[in-house]
Protein backbone atom coordinates (compact mmCIF):
# COMPACT_ATOMS: atom_id res chain seq x y z
CA UNK A 1 -9.04 -22.66 -23.32
CA UNK A 2 -8.31 -21.40 -26.58
CA UNK A 3 -4.56 -21.19 -28.05
CA UNK A 4 -3.98 -18.26 -29.65
CA UNK A 5 -0.19 -18.72 -30.41
CA UNK A 6 2.82 -21.04 -29.45
CA UNK A 7 6.53 -20.06 -29.89
CA UNK A 8 9.63 -21.36 -28.59
CA UNK A 9 7.93 -24.04 -26.24
CA UNK A 10 5.45 -21.05 -24.70
CA UNK A 11 1.81 -21.59 -25.63
CA UNK A 12 -0.62 -18.75 -25.17
CA UNK A 13 -4.23 -18.96 -24.77
CA UNK A 14 -7.28 -16.97 -23.37
CA UNK A 15 -10.34 -17.89 -21.43
CA UNK A 16 -14.00 -16.90 -22.93
CA UNK A 17 -15.31 -16.31 -19.49
CA UNK A 18 -12.37 -14.55 -17.95
CA UNK A 19 -11.91 -11.05 -16.55
CA UNK A 20 -10.82 -7.52 -16.71
CA UNK A 21 -8.21 -6.29 -16.67
CA UNK A 22 -7.69 -7.41 -20.34
CA UNK A 23 -5.00 -10.60 -20.37
CA UNK A 24 -3.82 -13.54 -21.31
CA UNK A 25 -2.24 -16.77 -20.08
CA UNK A 26 1.09 -18.61 -20.96
CA UNK A 27 2.21 -21.85 -20.07
CA UNK A 28 5.91 -22.82 -20.37
CA UNK A 29 7.75 -25.70 -18.72
CA UNK A 30 4.90 -26.71 -16.38
CA UNK A 31 4.68 -23.13 -15.28
CA UNK A 32 1.81 -20.63 -15.86
CA UNK A 33 1.90 -16.99 -16.18
CA UNK A 34 -1.03 -14.06 -15.99
CA UNK A 35 0.21 -11.17 -18.37
CA UNK A 36 -1.81 -7.83 -18.39
CA UNK A 37 -2.29 -6.76 -22.39
CA UNK A 38 -1.78 -3.15 -21.74
CA UNK A 39 0.87 -2.99 -18.95
CA UNK A 40 2.61 -6.26 -19.29
CA UNK A 41 2.26 -6.62 -15.67
CA UNK A 42 2.90 -10.33 -14.99
CA UNK A 43 1.33 -12.53 -12.51
CA UNK A 44 2.94 -16.18 -11.49
CA UNK A 45 6.68 -17.28 -11.94
CA UNK A 46 8.43 -18.53 -15.67
CA UNK A 47 11.96 -18.09 -16.35
CA UNK A 48 13.36 -14.76 -17.38
CA UNK A 49 13.88 -15.70 -20.79
CA UNK A 50 10.57 -16.84 -21.18
CA UNK A 51 8.86 -13.87 -19.78
CA UNK A 52 11.52 -11.44 -21.96
CA UNK A 53 9.85 -13.89 -24.97
CA UNK A 54 6.49 -13.35 -23.95
CA UNK A 55 7.09 -8.97 -23.43
CA UNK A 56 8.38 -9.20 -26.75
CA UNK A 57 5.33 -10.80 -28.49
CA UNK A 58 2.93 -9.20 -26.69
CA UNK A 59 4.19 -5.44 -27.32
CA UNK A 60 4.47 -6.85 -31.19
CA UNK A 61 0.56 -8.00 -30.83
CA UNK A 62 -1.03 -5.55 -28.44
CA UNK A 63 -3.95 -4.73 -30.85
CA UNK A 64 -4.09 -8.37 -32.08
CA UNK A 65 -4.25 -9.11 -28.26
CA UNK A 66 -7.20 -6.49 -27.55
CA UNK A 67 -9.16 -7.81 -30.52
CA UNK A 68 -9.07 -11.33 -29.52
CA UNK A 69 -10.00 -10.38 -26.07
CA UNK A 70 -13.36 -8.60 -27.30
CA UNK A 71 -13.89 -11.82 -29.39
CA UNK A 72 -13.51 -13.22 -25.85
CA UNK A 73 -15.98 -11.36 -24.31
CA UNK A 74 -18.57 -11.97 -27.35
CA UNK A 75 -17.99 -15.38 -26.69
CA UNK A 76 -16.72 -15.65 -30.68
CA UNK A 77 -13.92 -17.85 -32.08
CA UNK A 78 -10.59 -16.00 -31.31
CA UNK A 79 -7.90 -15.69 -33.63
CA UNK A 80 -4.61 -17.37 -33.93
CA UNK A 81 -1.84 -14.51 -33.48
CA UNK A 82 1.49 -14.95 -35.44
CA UNK A 83 4.42 -16.23 -33.00
CA UNK A 84 7.47 -14.78 -32.15
CA UNK A 85 10.44 -15.73 -34.55
């Protein structure tokens, strides 16, 4: 599970052999969600604050996330994405 970003205790990662639609995983406090890169739809449960931070980060980095998704599909090393500050 390649970690692509970390911020405020949230760990964001993608899998190389994951399925469409393009998405990423985020863990916080022992819980995990899956977030659609384009729509922002969330599967799973995290605190409202953590979800808001993840969504803010997602919106700022949609292009970076899609580039990492494409790299993952090609089984190439993904790039780290700057954290939310």
